[in-house]
Amino acid sequence: MAYVDGFLLPVPTKNLAAYRKVSRQAGKIWMEYGALAYTECVADDLDDERRAMFARSVKLKPDETLVFSWILYKSRAERNRINKKVTADPRLKAPEAMPFDMKRMVWGGFKTLVQL
């Protein structure tokens, strides 16, 4: 079964275009090294108390947009192999000013429980 890295990060709404550019480049590199899928989503429905927990987990500010992302791999071993190559790739050099606050990003690796 597949393995997933999941991410939640606050992006200043004014920086979404810059974030999209960085994300597209990063996604192409992850896919080139073997990721099965690379997905970035922006929050659209966090209005009720239960869904607002997503926003609170990154201390989302009023002028920010929550991004939910995941990368799909064949296995945890494949994720480790791919991430080692991605982090060494000079094309993924971080811009001087990242378009989001990396200190408030949360992430983790997840084993698949059900896959249909």
Protein backbone atom coordinates (compact mmCIF):
# COMPACT_ATOMS: atom_id res chain seq x y z
CA MET A 1 0.00 0.00 0.00
CA ALA A 2 1.04 3.59 -0.58
CA TYR A 3 2.76 6.02 1.78
CA VAL A 4 1.84 9.71 2.10
CA ASP A 5 3.62 12.81 3.36
CA GLY A 6 1.00 15.37 4.42
CA PHE A 7 1.49 19.10 5.03
CA LEU A 8 -0.51 22.04 6.40
CA LEU A 9 0.97 25.49 5.95
CA PRO A 10 -0.15 29.10 6.24
CA VAL A 11 0.57 31.19 3.15
CA PRO A 12 0.02 34.95 3.11
CA THR A 13 -2.81 35.38 0.61
CA LYS A 14 -0.78 38.01 -1.24
CA ASN A 15 1.95 35.36 -1.78
CA LEU A 16 -0.23 32.61 -3.27
CA ALA A 17 1.04 33.21 -6.82
CA ALA A 18 4.67 33.00 -5.65
CA TYR A 19 3.86 29.89 -3.60
CA ARG A 20 2.21 28.27 -6.63
CA LYS A 21 5.34 28.91 -8.71
CA VAL A 22 7.64 27.34 -6.08
CA SER A 23 5.21 24.46 -5.57
CA ARG A 24 4.92 23.64 -9.28
CA GLN A 25 8.68 23.48 -9.59
CA ALA A 26 8.99 21.32 -6.48
CA GLY A 27 6.21 19.01 -7.62
CA LYS A 28 7.86 18.39 -10.97
CA ILE A 29 11.09 17.45 -9.21
CA TRP A 30 9.33 15.08 -6.78
CA MET A 31 7.53 13.41 -9.68
CA GLU A 32 10.75 13.14 -11.68
CA TYR A 33 12.35 11.18 -8.83
CA GLY A 34 9.41 8.80 -8.49
CA ALA A 35 6.59 10.28 -6.41
CA LEU A 36 3.26 8.89 -7.59
CA ALA A 37 1.32 12.14 -7.02
CA TYR A 38 1.95 15.67 -5.77
CA THR A 39 -1.06 17.75 -4.73
CA GLU A 40 -1.46 21.28 -3.30
CA CYS A 41 -4.88 22.54 -2.19
CA VAL A 42 -6.10 25.83 -0.71
CA ALA A 43 -8.68 25.94 2.07
CA ASP A 44 -12.22 26.57 0.94
CA ASP A 45 -14.48 25.44 3.79
CA LEU A 46 -13.16 25.93 7.33
CA ASP A 47 -16.09 27.85 8.75
CA ASP A 48 -17.40 25.59 11.49
CA GLU A 49 -15.65 24.82 14.77
CA ARG A 50 -14.56 21.29 13.85
CA ARG A 51 -12.97 22.33 10.56
CA ALA A 52 -11.36 25.41 12.12
CA MET A 53 -8.95 23.08 13.92
CA PHE A 54 -6.95 22.95 10.69
CA ALA A 55 -6.47 26.72 10.80
CA ARG A 56 -5.66 26.75 14.50
CA SER A 57 -3.00 24.08 14.08
CA VAL A 58 -0.84 26.55 12.11
CA LYS A 59 -2.06 29.71 13.88
CA LEU A 60 -3.62 30.98 10.64
CA LYS A 61 -3.89 34.78 10.49
CA PRO A 62 -6.73 36.70 8.77
CA ASP A 63 -4.50 37.68 5.84
CA GLU A 64 -3.36 34.10 5.21
CA THR A 65 -4.67 31.12 3.28
CA LEU A 66 -4.30 27.57 4.54
CA VAL A 67 -2.64 25.14 2.13
CA PHE A 68 -3.12 21.40 2.50
CA SER A 69 -0.65 19.31 0.52
CA TRP A 70 0.35 15.72 0.10
CA ILE A 71 2.86 13.65 -1.79
CA LEU A 72 2.07 10.02 -2.58
CA TYR A 73 4.75 7.34 -2.71
CA LYS A 74 4.81 3.59 -3.34
CA SER A 75 6.23 2.96 0.15
CA ARG A 76 8.03 4.60 3.06
CA ALA A 77 11.33 3.27 1.69
CA GLU A 78 10.56 4.90 -1.67
CA ARG A 79 9.67 8.15 0.13
CA ASN A 80 13.01 8.12 1.92
CA ARG A 81 14.91 7.41 -1.32
CA ILE A 82 13.04 10.10 -3.26
CA ASN A 83 13.30 12.75 -0.53
CA LYS A 84 17.05 12.19 -0.29
CA LYS A 85 17.37 12.94 -4.02
CA VAL A 86 14.95 15.88 -3.89
CA THR A 87 16.75 17.59 -1.02
CA ALA A 88 20.07 17.25 -2.87
CA ASP A 89 18.68 18.62 -6.15
CA PRO A 90 20.09 22.11 -6.86
CA ARG A 91 16.90 23.09 -8.75
CA LEU A 92 15.04 23.06 -5.45
CA LYS A 93 17.20 25.72 -3.87
CA ALA A 94 14.93 27.69 -1.56
CA PRO A 95 14.31 31.28 -2.63
CA GLU A 96 15.86 33.92 -0.35
CA ALA A 97 12.41 34.81 0.93
CA MET A 98 10.07 31.82 1.10
CA PRO A 99 6.46 32.80 0.33
CA PHE A 100 5.28 31.31 3.65
CA ASP A 101 6.41 30.87 7.26
CA MET A 102 8.14 27.48 7.37
CA LYS A 103 8.23 27.54 11.19
CA ARG A 104 4.43 27.25 11.29
CA MET A 105 4.17 24.42 8.77
CA VAL A 106 3.12 21.03 10.16
CA TRP A 107 3.76 17.74 8.41
CA GLY A 108 4.03 14.03 8.89
CA GLY A 109 4.32 10.68 7.15
CA PHE A 110 1.32 8.35 7.01
CA LYS A 111 0.89 4.65 6.25
CA THR A 112 -2.14 3.80 4.15
CA LEU A 113 -5.00 2.26 6.12
CA VAL A 114 -7.57 1.91 3.33
CA GLN A 115 -7.04 2.40 -0.40
CA LEU A 116 -9.88 1.90 -2.88
